[in-house]
Every structure is written in C-alpha cells, then in structure tokens.
C-alpha cells in the first residue's frame, strides 16, 4: 500500500483523534476486556463519538482493503456496531452484529441484522483488539452459519495476537492504528505489562 494519498491521510487523522480523544494514560494498571493489565486505556467510543470522526475511521478501514468485495459487515456487539452501520452505508452492503450469547427469546439467533449464511462474503470489524478474543468469537459465529470471512479490520490493535490468528487462516487483517502508532506498550499473548 502506498504511504501517500487519501488512505494515509485518513489513517493519520485517526491516529491523532485516538491520541487526543481516546487514549488515557492511567496512574495504575486497569484490567482490559481481554483480562490483560495496562496503564494505557483506549476508549474508542469516546474517540469516535463525533459522526465526522467515525466516518473517517470507516473510510480508513475500507481503504485498507482496496478491491476486497463483501456482502455484509459486522462483528461482536458493541465493539463492532458503529463500524458495521457506517461501513454498510459507505459500501452499499448489509450489516450484522454477533451477540455475545443468543437472546433467549424470539428467533434466539447469535447473528442479528443481515441474514448472513452460505455464500455470503463478510468483512469483520472491531474497535479495540488486545488478544483478539472478540473478533475471533465473531469469526467463529460467522463461519458456523456458513459465510466466508474475506477480511478483518480493527480501529486499534494493542498487540500482535489477532494478526497471527488471521494469518493462520489466510484472511487479510488490517488495523487502522497499532500500539506502535500510539507509542504504547503492546498488550496480549498472556504478557502483563504495567
């Protein structure tokens, strides 16, 4: 990928937005959703609470994949929801969410929104990836309904675990921002950083 042009401009904008509005350096380590500890906390929802910033992030995600074609976009709720909705509008596709567990009533489905299934090509998205547990759970749910994951993206990758997971499955994976971009220590893989 070229280092100039709109994609790089969007990426640079998002790095600055995450640094300014979403990255907190805390005096004491906190437990992340992954169970890992870190003094650096990234609040993607606060960082992208302005619609224009969310749109730029979604454009950066789309630009990372060039000509990859997909029918639906989504991932594990809540980290994927905002990206799924905006990317589906920008790309003219459908969106879905993967529940953390079936609702327990109604259709009792794990995957809601688009009726993703056999023959569907899916772009998985997430907000913050540390060990990749959420995006891996979404991957497993989508594969279980017969769809094909053609690419996976995240706003911020705090480590290197998710990239390895998708490389092993030959699925293109691209974070918009990495821990290196933010100048923070990597987290994941069972290592506790403080």
N, C-alpha and C. Protein backbone atom coordinates (compact mmCIF):
# COMPACT_ATOMS: atom_id res chain seq x y z
N UNK A 1 0.83 -1.17 0.00
CA UNK A 1 0.00 0.00 0.00
C UNK A 1 0.88 1.24 0.00
N UNK A 2 0.50 2.24 -0.73
CA UNK A 2 1.24 3.48 -0.83
C UNK A 2 1.17 4.23 0.50
N UNK A 3 2.18 5.03 0.78
CA UNK A 3 2.19 5.81 2.02
C UNK A 3 1.69 7.22 1.79
N UNK A 4 1.15 7.50 0.63
CA UNK A 4 0.58 8.83 0.40
C UNK A 4 -0.84 8.67 -0.11
N UNK A 5 -1.56 9.77 -0.18
CA UNK A 5 -2.92 9.73 -0.69
C UNK A 5 -3.94 9.72 0.41
N UNK A 6 -5.24 9.57 0.03
CA UNK A 6 -6.33 9.67 1.00
C UNK A 6 -6.26 8.65 2.13
N UNK A 7 -5.87 7.40 1.81
CA UNK A 7 -5.84 6.37 2.86
C UNK A 7 -4.88 6.78 3.97
N UNK A 8 -3.69 7.24 3.61
CA UNK A 8 -2.72 7.66 4.61
C UNK A 8 -3.23 8.89 5.36
N UNK A 9 -3.89 9.81 4.66
CA UNK A 9 -4.45 10.99 5.31
C UNK A 9 -5.50 10.59 6.33
N UNK A 10 -6.41 9.68 5.97
CA UNK A 10 -7.43 9.22 6.91
C UNK A 10 -6.78 8.53 8.10
N UNK A 11 -5.80 7.70 7.83
CA UNK A 11 -5.12 6.97 8.90
C UNK A 11 -4.45 7.95 9.86
N UNK A 12 -3.74 8.93 9.33
CA UNK A 12 -3.08 9.92 10.17
C UNK A 12 -4.10 10.70 11.01
N UNK A 13 -5.23 11.04 10.41
CA UNK A 13 -6.29 11.73 11.16
C UNK A 13 -6.77 10.87 12.32
N UNK A 14 -6.98 9.59 12.07
CA UNK A 14 -7.48 8.70 13.11
C UNK A 14 -6.45 8.51 14.21
N UNK A 15 -5.19 8.40 13.87
CA UNK A 15 -4.15 8.30 14.90
C UNK A 15 -4.23 9.50 15.83
N UNK A 16 -4.34 10.69 15.26
CA UNK A 16 -4.43 11.91 16.08
C UNK A 16 -5.72 11.94 16.91
N UNK A 17 -6.83 11.54 16.32
CA UNK A 17 -8.11 11.52 17.04
C UNK A 17 -8.04 10.56 18.22
N UNK A 18 -7.50 9.36 18.00
CA UNK A 18 -7.39 8.38 19.08
C UNK A 18 -6.46 8.91 20.17
N UNK A 19 -5.33 9.48 19.78
CA UNK A 19 -4.39 10.04 20.77
C UNK A 19 -5.06 11.12 21.61
N UNK A 20 -5.77 12.03 20.95
CA UNK A 20 -6.34 13.19 21.63
C UNK A 20 -7.61 12.89 22.41
N UNK A 21 -8.48 12.03 21.87
CA UNK A 21 -9.81 11.87 22.46
C UNK A 21 -10.07 10.51 23.09
N UNK A 22 -9.17 9.54 22.84
CA UNK A 22 -9.46 8.20 23.31
C UNK A 22 -8.38 7.52 24.14
N UNK A 23 -7.17 8.03 24.13
CA UNK A 23 -6.06 7.38 24.83
C UNK A 23 -5.86 8.01 26.20
N UNK A 24 -5.99 7.18 27.23
CA UNK A 24 -5.80 7.64 28.60
C UNK A 24 -4.58 6.93 29.19
N UNK A 25 -3.67 7.70 29.76
CA UNK A 25 -2.53 7.13 30.48
C UNK A 25 -2.89 7.20 31.97
N UNK A 26 -3.10 6.04 32.58
CA UNK A 26 -3.59 5.97 33.95
C UNK A 26 -2.45 5.75 34.94
N UNK A 27 -2.61 6.23 36.17
CA UNK A 27 -1.55 6.06 37.17
C UNK A 27 -1.37 4.61 37.61
N UNK A 28 -2.45 3.84 37.56
CA UNK A 28 -2.40 2.42 37.97
C UNK A 28 -2.95 1.56 36.83
N UNK A 29 -2.46 0.35 36.67
CA UNK A 29 -2.98 -0.53 35.62
C UNK A 29 -4.46 -0.86 35.85
N UNK A 30 -5.19 -1.01 34.76
CA UNK A 30 -6.58 -1.45 34.80
C UNK A 30 -6.68 -2.77 34.05
N UNK A 31 -7.71 -3.51 34.36
CA UNK A 31 -7.97 -4.77 33.67
C UNK A 31 -8.73 -4.46 32.39
N UNK A 32 -8.20 -4.91 31.26
CA UNK A 32 -8.86 -4.73 29.96
C UNK A 32 -9.86 -5.85 29.75
N UNK A 33 -10.70 -5.72 28.74
CA UNK A 33 -11.70 -6.76 28.43
C UNK A 33 -11.04 -8.12 28.22
N UNK A 34 -9.82 -8.12 27.74
CA UNK A 34 -9.08 -9.37 27.49
C UNK A 34 -8.61 -10.04 28.76
N UNK A 35 -8.67 -9.30 29.89
CA UNK A 35 -8.12 -9.81 31.14
C UNK A 35 -6.69 -9.35 31.39
N UNK A 36 -6.08 -8.75 30.38
CA UNK A 36 -4.72 -8.22 30.50
C UNK A 36 -4.74 -6.92 31.30
N UNK A 37 -3.60 -6.55 31.84
CA UNK A 37 -3.45 -5.29 32.58
C UNK A 37 -2.68 -4.28 31.75
N UNK A 38 -3.08 -3.01 31.86
CA UNK A 38 -2.34 -1.95 31.19
C UNK A 38 -2.63 -0.60 31.85
N UNK A 39 -1.66 0.27 31.82
CA UNK A 39 -1.86 1.65 32.26
C UNK A 39 -2.41 2.51 31.12
N UNK A 40 -2.33 2.00 29.92
CA UNK A 40 -2.86 2.72 28.75
C UNK A 40 -4.22 2.16 28.41
N UNK A 41 -5.23 3.00 28.49
CA UNK A 41 -6.60 2.60 28.17
C UNK A 41 -7.05 3.36 26.94
N UNK A 42 -7.64 2.65 25.98
CA UNK A 42 -8.12 3.29 24.75
C UNK A 42 -9.64 3.20 24.72
N UNK A 43 -10.29 4.34 24.73
CA UNK A 43 -11.75 4.43 24.68
C UNK A 43 -12.16 4.82 23.26
N UNK A 44 -12.40 3.83 22.42
CA UNK A 44 -12.74 4.08 21.02
C UNK A 44 -14.08 4.78 20.87
N UNK A 45 -15.01 4.48 21.75
CA UNK A 45 -16.33 5.10 21.64
C UNK A 45 -16.25 6.60 21.90
N UNK A 46 -15.46 7.00 22.89
CA UNK A 46 -15.26 8.43 23.15
C UNK A 46 -14.48 9.07 22.00
N UNK A 47 -13.45 8.38 21.52
CA UNK A 47 -12.62 8.94 20.45
C UNK A 47 -13.44 9.22 19.20
N UNK A 48 -14.39 8.35 18.88
CA UNK A 48 -15.15 8.48 17.63
C UNK A 48 -16.60 8.88 17.86
N UNK A 49 -16.87 9.57 18.96
CA UNK A 49 -18.25 9.95 19.25
C UNK A 49 -18.79 11.02 18.30
N UNK A 50 -17.91 11.73 17.64
CA UNK A 50 -18.35 12.70 16.62
C UNK A 50 -18.54 11.95 15.30
N UNK A 51 -19.69 12.16 14.68
CA UNK A 51 -20.02 11.45 13.45
C UNK A 51 -18.97 11.60 12.36
N UNK A 52 -18.41 12.78 12.21
CA UNK A 52 -17.40 13.01 11.16
C UNK A 52 -16.15 12.17 11.42
N UNK A 53 -15.76 12.02 12.69
CA UNK A 53 -14.58 11.21 13.02
C UNK A 53 -14.85 9.73 12.76
N UNK A 54 -16.05 9.27 13.11
CA UNK A 54 -16.43 7.88 12.85
C UNK A 54 -16.41 7.60 11.35
N UNK A 55 -16.90 8.54 10.56
CA UNK A 55 -16.90 8.37 9.10
C UNK A 55 -15.48 8.23 8.57
N UNK A 56 -14.57 9.07 9.05
CA UNK A 56 -13.17 9.00 8.61
C UNK A 56 -12.57 7.64 8.98
N UNK A 57 -12.87 7.15 10.18
CA UNK A 57 -12.35 5.83 10.60
C UNK A 57 -12.87 4.73 9.68
N UNK A 58 -14.15 4.80 9.34
CA UNK A 58 -14.75 3.78 8.46
C UNK A 58 -14.18 3.87 7.05
N UNK A 59 -13.91 5.06 6.58
CA UNK A 59 -13.27 5.23 5.27
C UNK A 59 -11.86 4.65 5.29
N UNK A 60 -11.15 4.84 6.40
CA UNK A 60 -9.80 4.27 6.52
C UNK A 60 -9.85 2.75 6.50
N UNK A 61 -10.84 2.17 7.18
CA UNK A 61 -10.99 0.71 7.17
C UNK A 61 -11.25 0.22 5.75
N UNK A 62 -12.15 0.87 5.04
CA UNK A 62 -12.45 0.46 3.66
C UNK A 62 -11.24 0.60 2.76
N UNK A 63 -10.49 1.67 2.92
CA UNK A 63 -9.33 1.89 2.06
C UNK A 63 -8.23 0.87 2.30
N UNK A 64 -8.17 0.30 3.50
CA UNK A 64 -7.17 -0.74 3.78
C UNK A 64 -7.36 -1.99 2.93
N UNK A 65 -8.58 -2.19 2.42
CA UNK A 65 -8.86 -3.43 1.71
C UNK A 65 -9.07 -3.27 0.22
N UNK A 66 -8.91 -2.07 -0.31
CA UNK A 66 -8.95 -1.88 -1.75
C UNK A 66 -10.12 -2.55 -2.43
N UNK A 67 -9.83 -3.62 -3.17
CA UNK A 67 -10.85 -4.27 -4.00
C UNK A 67 -11.50 -5.50 -3.36
N UNK A 68 -11.33 -5.71 -2.07
CA UNK A 68 -11.97 -6.85 -1.42
C UNK A 68 -13.48 -6.63 -1.46
N UNK A 69 -14.21 -7.61 -2.02
CA UNK A 69 -15.66 -7.50 -2.11
C UNK A 69 -16.31 -8.25 -0.95
N UNK A 70 -17.33 -7.62 -0.37
CA UNK A 70 -18.06 -8.25 0.73
C UNK A 70 -19.53 -7.88 0.64
N UNK A 71 -20.36 -8.77 1.18
CA UNK A 71 -21.81 -8.59 1.15
C UNK A 71 -22.35 -7.99 2.44
N UNK A 72 -21.62 -8.22 3.54
CA UNK A 72 -22.07 -7.72 4.84
C UNK A 72 -20.86 -7.41 5.70
N UNK A 73 -21.07 -6.52 6.66
CA UNK A 73 -20.01 -6.11 7.57
C UNK A 73 -20.55 -6.13 8.98
N UNK A 74 -19.74 -6.61 9.92
CA UNK A 74 -20.15 -6.63 11.31
C UNK A 74 -19.14 -7.34 12.18
N UNK A 75 -19.56 -7.57 13.41
CA UNK A 75 -18.70 -8.24 14.38
C UNK A 75 -19.42 -8.33 15.70
N UNK A 76 -18.66 -8.59 16.75
CA UNK A 76 -19.23 -8.77 18.07
C UNK A 76 -19.75 -7.43 18.61
N UNK A 77 -21.01 -7.44 19.08
CA UNK A 77 -21.57 -6.23 19.67
C UNK A 77 -20.80 -5.92 20.96
N UNK A 78 -20.53 -4.82 21.29
CA UNK A 78 -20.71 -3.43 20.95
C UNK A 78 -19.52 -2.87 20.21
N UNK A 79 -18.41 -3.56 20.25
CA UNK A 79 -17.22 -3.01 19.61
C UNK A 79 -17.33 -2.82 18.12
N UNK A 80 -18.17 -3.62 17.47
CA UNK A 80 -18.27 -3.56 16.01
C UNK A 80 -19.44 -2.73 15.51
N UNK A 81 -20.42 -2.48 16.36
CA UNK A 81 -21.70 -1.93 15.90
C UNK A 81 -21.57 -0.64 15.08
N UNK A 82 -20.89 0.36 15.63
CA UNK A 82 -20.81 1.64 14.93
C UNK A 82 -20.10 1.51 13.59
N UNK A 83 -19.08 0.68 13.51
CA UNK A 83 -18.36 0.48 12.25
C UNK A 83 -19.23 -0.26 11.23
N UNK A 84 -19.95 -1.28 11.69
CA UNK A 84 -20.82 -2.05 10.80
C UNK A 84 -21.86 -1.14 10.16
N UNK A 85 -22.49 -0.30 10.96
CA UNK A 85 -23.55 0.57 10.43
C UNK A 85 -23.02 1.57 9.42
N UNK A 86 -21.94 2.26 9.75
CA UNK A 86 -21.42 3.30 8.84
C UNK A 86 -20.78 2.68 7.60
N UNK A 87 -20.01 1.61 7.76
CA UNK A 87 -19.38 0.97 6.59
C UNK A 87 -20.45 0.42 5.65
N UNK A 88 -21.53 -0.14 6.19
CA UNK A 88 -22.58 -0.66 5.30
C UNK A 88 -23.18 0.47 4.46
N UNK A 89 -23.32 1.64 5.04
CA UNK A 89 -23.82 2.80 4.27
C UNK A 89 -22.80 3.23 3.22
N UNK A 90 -21.54 3.35 3.61
CA UNK A 90 -20.49 3.79 2.69
C UNK A 90 -20.27 2.80 1.55
N UNK A 91 -20.34 1.50 1.86
CA UNK A 91 -20.04 0.46 0.86
C UNK A 91 -21.27 -0.06 0.14
N UNK A 92 -22.46 0.33 0.60
CA UNK A 92 -23.68 -0.17 -0.02
C UNK A 92 -23.91 -1.65 0.23
N UNK A 93 -23.58 -2.11 1.44
CA UNK A 93 -23.75 -3.52 1.80
C UNK A 93 -24.73 -3.62 2.96
N UNK A 94 -24.87 -4.81 3.50
CA UNK A 94 -25.70 -5.03 4.68
C UNK A 94 -24.80 -5.09 5.92
N UNK A 95 -25.42 -4.96 7.08
CA UNK A 95 -24.68 -5.05 8.33
C UNK A 95 -25.28 -6.13 9.23
N UNK A 96 -24.48 -6.60 10.17
CA UNK A 96 -24.94 -7.58 11.15
C UNK A 96 -24.20 -7.34 12.45
N UNK A 97 -24.71 -7.91 13.52
CA UNK A 97 -23.99 -7.96 14.79
C UNK A 97 -24.01 -9.40 15.29
N UNK A 98 -22.97 -9.76 15.98
CA UNK A 98 -22.88 -11.05 16.64
C UNK A 98 -23.10 -10.78 18.12
N UNK A 99 -24.14 -11.39 18.66
CA UNK A 99 -24.40 -11.24 20.10
C UNK A 99 -23.36 -12.02 20.89
N UNK A 100 -23.16 -11.62 22.13
CA UNK A 100 -22.24 -12.36 23.00
C UNK A 100 -22.84 -13.71 23.37
N UNK A 101 -24.16 -13.76 23.38
CA UNK A 101 -24.89 -15.02 23.58
C UNK A 101 -26.27 -14.84 22.96
N UNK A 102 -26.93 -15.94 22.56
CA UNK A 102 -28.27 -15.80 21.97
C UNK A 102 -29.21 -15.08 22.94
N UNK A 103 -30.15 -14.36 22.37
CA UNK A 103 -31.06 -13.52 23.16
C UNK A 103 -31.92 -14.31 24.14
N UNK A 104 -32.25 -15.54 23.81
CA UNK A 104 -33.05 -16.36 24.70
C UNK A 104 -34.54 -16.26 24.45
N UNK A 105 -34.93 -15.48 23.45
CA UNK A 105 -36.34 -15.38 23.08
C UNK A 105 -36.41 -14.96 21.61
N UNK A 106 -37.61 -14.89 21.08
CA UNK A 106 -37.76 -14.53 19.67
C UNK A 106 -37.08 -15.57 18.79
N UNK A 107 -36.24 -15.13 17.86
CA UNK A 107 -35.55 -16.06 16.97
C UNK A 107 -34.37 -16.75 17.65
N UNK A 108 -33.93 -16.21 18.80
CA UNK A 108 -32.84 -16.80 19.58
C UNK A 108 -31.55 -16.96 18.77
N UNK A 109 -31.31 -16.04 17.85
CA UNK A 109 -30.13 -16.12 16.99
C UNK A 109 -28.92 -15.45 17.64
N UNK A 110 -27.75 -15.92 17.24
CA UNK A 110 -26.50 -15.32 17.68
C UNK A 110 -26.11 -14.17 16.74
N UNK A 111 -26.43 -14.33 15.44
CA UNK A 111 -26.12 -13.31 14.43
C UNK A 111 -27.42 -12.60 14.07
N UNK A 112 -27.47 -11.29 14.27
CA UNK A 112 -28.66 -10.47 14.01
C UNK A 112 -28.36 -9.47 12.90
N UNK A 113 -29.41 -8.95 12.30
CA UNK A 113 -29.27 -8.00 11.20
C UNK A 113 -29.39 -8.75 9.89
N UNK A 114 -28.42 -8.58 9.00
CA UNK A 114 -28.43 -9.29 7.72
C UNK A 114 -28.51 -10.80 7.97
N UNK A 115 -29.22 -11.50 7.11
CA UNK A 115 -29.37 -12.95 7.23
C UNK A 115 -28.15 -13.65 6.62
N UNK A 116 -27.02 -13.42 7.24
CA UNK A 116 -25.73 -13.94 6.79
C UNK A 116 -25.76 -15.46 6.81
N UNK A 117 -25.27 -16.07 5.72
CA UNK A 117 -25.24 -17.53 5.65
C UNK A 117 -24.40 -18.00 4.48
N UNK A 118 -24.73 -19.19 3.97
CA UNK A 118 -23.98 -19.79 2.86
C UNK A 118 -23.83 -18.81 1.70
N UNK A 119 -22.61 -18.69 1.20
CA UNK A 119 -22.34 -17.86 0.04
C UNK A 119 -22.08 -16.39 0.36
N UNK A 120 -22.31 -15.96 1.59
CA UNK A 120 -22.08 -14.56 1.96
C UNK A 120 -20.60 -14.32 2.21
N UNK A 121 -20.11 -13.18 1.74
CA UNK A 121 -18.74 -12.73 1.99
C UNK A 121 -18.81 -11.63 3.04
N UNK A 122 -18.03 -11.79 4.11
CA UNK A 122 -18.16 -10.93 5.28
C UNK A 122 -16.86 -10.21 5.60
N UNK A 123 -16.98 -8.92 5.92
CA UNK A 123 -15.90 -8.13 6.49
C UNK A 123 -16.15 -8.04 7.99
N UNK A 124 -15.24 -8.58 8.79
CA UNK A 124 -15.35 -8.48 10.25
C UNK A 124 -14.70 -7.19 10.72
N UNK A 125 -15.33 -6.52 11.69
CA UNK A 125 -14.77 -5.30 12.25
C UNK A 125 -14.84 -5.35 13.78
N UNK A 126 -13.97 -4.56 14.41
CA UNK A 126 -13.98 -4.42 15.86
C UNK A 126 -13.33 -3.08 16.19
N UNK A 127 -13.52 -2.62 17.44
CA UNK A 127 -12.92 -1.34 17.79
C UNK A 127 -11.50 -1.51 18.32
N UNK A 128 -11.34 -2.16 19.45
CA UNK A 128 -10.02 -2.34 20.04
C UNK A 128 -9.74 -3.83 20.18
N UNK A 129 -8.59 -4.27 19.68
CA UNK A 129 -8.19 -5.67 19.78
C UNK A 129 -6.96 -5.74 20.68
N UNK A 130 -7.02 -6.61 21.67
CA UNK A 130 -5.85 -6.85 22.53
C UNK A 130 -5.35 -8.26 22.25
N UNK A 131 -6.12 -9.25 22.67
CA UNK A 131 -5.75 -10.64 22.37
C UNK A 131 -6.55 -11.19 21.21
N UNK A 132 -7.56 -10.45 20.77
CA UNK A 132 -8.36 -10.87 19.62
C UNK A 132 -9.55 -11.74 19.97
N UNK A 133 -9.85 -11.90 21.24
CA UNK A 133 -10.94 -12.78 21.65
C UNK A 133 -12.29 -12.43 21.04
N UNK A 134 -12.64 -11.15 21.02
CA UNK A 134 -13.95 -10.74 20.49
C UNK A 134 -14.05 -10.97 18.98
N UNK A 135 -13.03 -10.57 18.25
CA UNK A 135 -13.09 -10.71 16.79
C UNK A 135 -12.99 -12.19 16.41
N UNK A 136 -12.29 -12.99 17.21
CA UNK A 136 -12.24 -14.43 16.96
C UNK A 136 -13.60 -15.07 17.22
N UNK A 137 -14.30 -14.63 18.26
CA UNK A 137 -15.64 -15.15 18.54
C UNK A 137 -16.58 -14.80 17.39
N UNK A 138 -16.46 -13.58 16.87
CA UNK A 138 -17.28 -13.18 15.72
C UNK A 138 -16.94 -14.04 14.50
N UNK A 139 -15.66 -14.30 14.28
CA UNK A 139 -15.22 -15.15 13.17
C UNK A 139 -15.86 -16.53 13.28
N UNK A 140 -15.79 -17.11 14.46
CA UNK A 140 -16.34 -18.46 14.66
C UNK A 140 -17.85 -18.49 14.42
N UNK A 141 -18.56 -17.45 14.87
CA UNK A 141 -20.02 -17.40 14.68
C UNK A 141 -20.38 -17.28 13.20
N UNK A 142 -19.62 -16.49 12.47
CA UNK A 142 -19.90 -16.29 11.04
C UNK A 142 -19.59 -17.56 10.25
N UNK A 143 -18.48 -18.21 10.55
CA UNK A 143 -18.13 -19.47 9.89
C UNK A 143 -19.20 -20.53 10.20
N UNK A 144 -19.71 -20.52 11.43
CA UNK A 144 -20.72 -21.51 11.83
C UNK A 144 -22.02 -21.38 11.05
N UNK A 145 -22.35 -20.18 10.56
CA UNK A 145 -23.57 -20.01 9.76
C UNK A 145 -23.30 -20.21 8.27
N UNK A 146 -22.06 -20.55 7.91
CA UNK A 146 -21.74 -20.88 6.53
C UNK A 146 -21.17 -19.76 5.69
N UNK A 147 -21.00 -18.57 6.27
CA UNK A 147 -20.44 -17.45 5.50
C UNK A 147 -18.92 -17.54 5.47
N UNK A 148 -18.32 -16.76 4.58
CA UNK A 148 -16.86 -16.70 4.43
C UNK A 148 -16.37 -15.35 4.89
N UNK A 149 -15.41 -15.34 5.79
CA UNK A 149 -14.78 -14.09 6.21
C UNK A 149 -13.70 -13.76 5.18
N UNK A 150 -13.89 -12.66 4.45
CA UNK A 150 -12.95 -12.28 3.39
C UNK A 150 -11.91 -11.28 3.87
N UNK A 151 -12.15 -10.63 5.01
CA UNK A 151 -11.19 -9.69 5.59
C UNK A 151 -11.64 -9.35 7.00
N UNK A 152 -10.69 -8.86 7.81
CA UNK A 152 -10.98 -8.44 9.18
C UNK A 152 -10.23 -7.15 9.45
N UNK A 153 -10.89 -6.25 10.19
CA UNK A 153 -10.29 -4.94 10.48
C UNK A 153 -10.60 -4.53 11.90
N UNK A 154 -9.73 -3.73 12.45
CA UNK A 154 -9.97 -3.13 13.75
C UNK A 154 -9.49 -1.69 13.73
N UNK A 155 -10.09 -0.88 14.58
CA UNK A 155 -9.63 0.50 14.71
C UNK A 155 -8.23 0.51 15.30
N UNK A 156 -8.04 -0.15 16.45
CA UNK A 156 -6.74 -0.18 17.12
C UNK A 156 -6.39 -1.62 17.51
N UNK A 157 -5.16 -2.02 17.19
CA UNK A 157 -4.64 -3.31 17.64
C UNK A 157 -3.56 -3.03 18.66
N UNK A 158 -3.78 -3.50 19.89
CA UNK A 158 -2.87 -3.25 21.01
C UNK A 158 -1.72 -4.26 21.08
N UNK A 159 -1.70 -5.24 20.19
CA UNK A 159 -0.66 -6.27 20.23
C UNK A 159 -0.49 -6.91 18.86
N UNK A 160 -0.05 -8.14 18.87
CA UNK A 160 0.22 -8.84 17.63
C UNK A 160 -0.50 -10.18 17.52
N UNK A 161 -1.38 -10.48 18.47
CA UNK A 161 -2.04 -11.78 18.54
C UNK A 161 -3.08 -11.96 17.43
N UNK A 162 -3.93 -10.97 17.23
CA UNK A 162 -5.00 -11.09 16.22
C UNK A 162 -4.43 -11.25 14.82
N UNK A 163 -3.38 -10.51 14.52
CA UNK A 163 -2.76 -10.63 13.20
C UNK A 163 -2.32 -12.04 12.91
N UNK A 164 -1.74 -12.70 13.90
CA UNK A 164 -1.30 -14.08 13.73
C UNK A 164 -2.48 -15.01 13.51
N UNK A 165 -3.56 -14.80 14.27
CA UNK A 165 -4.77 -15.62 14.14
C UNK A 165 -5.30 -15.58 12.71
N UNK A 166 -5.39 -14.37 12.13
CA UNK A 166 -5.93 -14.25 10.77
C UNK A 166 -4.93 -14.70 9.71
N UNK A 167 -3.63 -14.50 9.95
CA UNK A 167 -2.62 -15.02 9.00
C UNK A 167 -2.73 -16.53 8.89
N UNK A 168 -2.92 -17.20 10.02
CA UNK A 168 -3.04 -18.67 10.02
C UNK A 168 -4.25 -19.13 9.21
N UNK A 169 -5.26 -18.30 9.07
CA UNK A 169 -6.47 -18.64 8.33
C UNK A 169 -6.49 -18.01 6.93
N UNK A 170 -5.37 -17.38 6.57
CA UNK A 170 -5.20 -16.72 5.27
C UNK A 170 -6.31 -15.70 5.00
N UNK A 171 -6.64 -14.93 6.04
CA UNK A 171 -7.65 -13.87 5.94
C UNK A 171 -6.92 -12.54 6.09
N UNK A 172 -7.06 -11.64 5.11
CA UNK A 172 -6.43 -10.33 5.26
C UNK A 172 -6.92 -9.63 6.52
N UNK A 173 -5.98 -9.06 7.28
CA UNK A 173 -6.30 -8.37 8.52
C UNK A 173 -5.54 -7.05 8.55
N UNK A 174 -6.24 -5.97 8.89
CA UNK A 174 -5.58 -4.66 8.92
C UNK A 174 -6.17 -3.77 10.01
N UNK A 175 -5.36 -3.46 11.01
CA UNK A 175 -5.77 -2.43 11.96
C UNK A 175 -5.51 -1.06 11.33
N UNK A 176 -6.33 -0.08 11.66
CA UNK A 176 -6.08 1.29 11.19
C UNK A 176 -4.92 1.87 12.00
N UNK A 177 -4.90 1.58 13.31
CA UNK A 177 -3.90 2.11 14.23
C UNK A 177 -3.33 0.95 15.03
N UNK A 178 -2.03 0.99 15.32
CA UNK A 178 -1.41 -0.03 16.16
C UNK A 178 -0.83 0.61 17.42
N UNK A 179 -0.43 -0.24 18.34
CA UNK A 179 0.22 0.26 19.55
C UNK A 179 1.47 1.06 19.21
N UNK A 180 2.14 0.69 18.13
CA UNK A 180 3.34 1.42 17.71
C UNK A 180 2.99 2.87 17.34
N UNK A 181 1.87 3.04 16.61
CA UNK A 181 1.43 4.38 16.21
C UNK A 181 1.14 5.26 17.41
N UNK A 182 0.65 4.64 18.49
CA UNK A 182 0.27 5.40 19.68
C UNK A 182 1.41 5.54 20.68
N UNK A 183 2.52 4.83 20.42
CA UNK A 183 3.66 4.91 21.32
C UNK A 183 3.40 4.28 22.67
N UNK A 184 2.61 3.20 22.68
CA UNK A 184 2.31 2.49 23.93
C UNK A 184 2.87 1.07 23.85
N UNK A 185 3.00 0.45 25.01
CA UNK A 185 3.49 -0.92 25.06
C UNK A 185 2.46 -1.88 24.47
N UNK A 186 2.91 -2.93 23.77
CA UNK A 186 1.97 -3.93 23.29
C UNK A 186 1.38 -4.71 24.46
N UNK A 187 0.16 -5.18 24.26
CA UNK A 187 -0.53 -5.99 25.27
C UNK A 187 -1.08 -7.21 24.57
N UNK A 188 -1.02 -8.34 25.23
CA UNK A 188 -1.60 -9.56 24.65
C UNK A 188 -0.63 -10.71 24.75
N UNK A 189 -1.16 -11.86 24.40
CA UNK A 189 -0.33 -13.06 24.41
C UNK A 189 0.04 -13.52 25.81
N UNK A 190 -0.77 -13.11 26.80
CA UNK A 190 -0.51 -13.55 28.15
C UNK A 190 0.52 -12.73 28.90
N UNK A 191 1.11 -11.74 28.25
CA UNK A 191 2.09 -10.90 28.92
C UNK A 191 1.39 -9.76 29.63
N UNK A 192 1.69 -9.55 30.86
CA UNK A 192 1.09 -8.45 31.61
C UNK A 192 2.09 -7.32 31.65
N UNK A 193 1.73 -6.19 31.06
CA UNK A 193 2.59 -5.02 31.04
C UNK A 193 2.05 -3.99 32.01
N UNK A 194 2.91 -3.35 32.77
CA UNK A 194 2.44 -2.29 33.67
C UNK A 194 3.23 -1.03 33.48
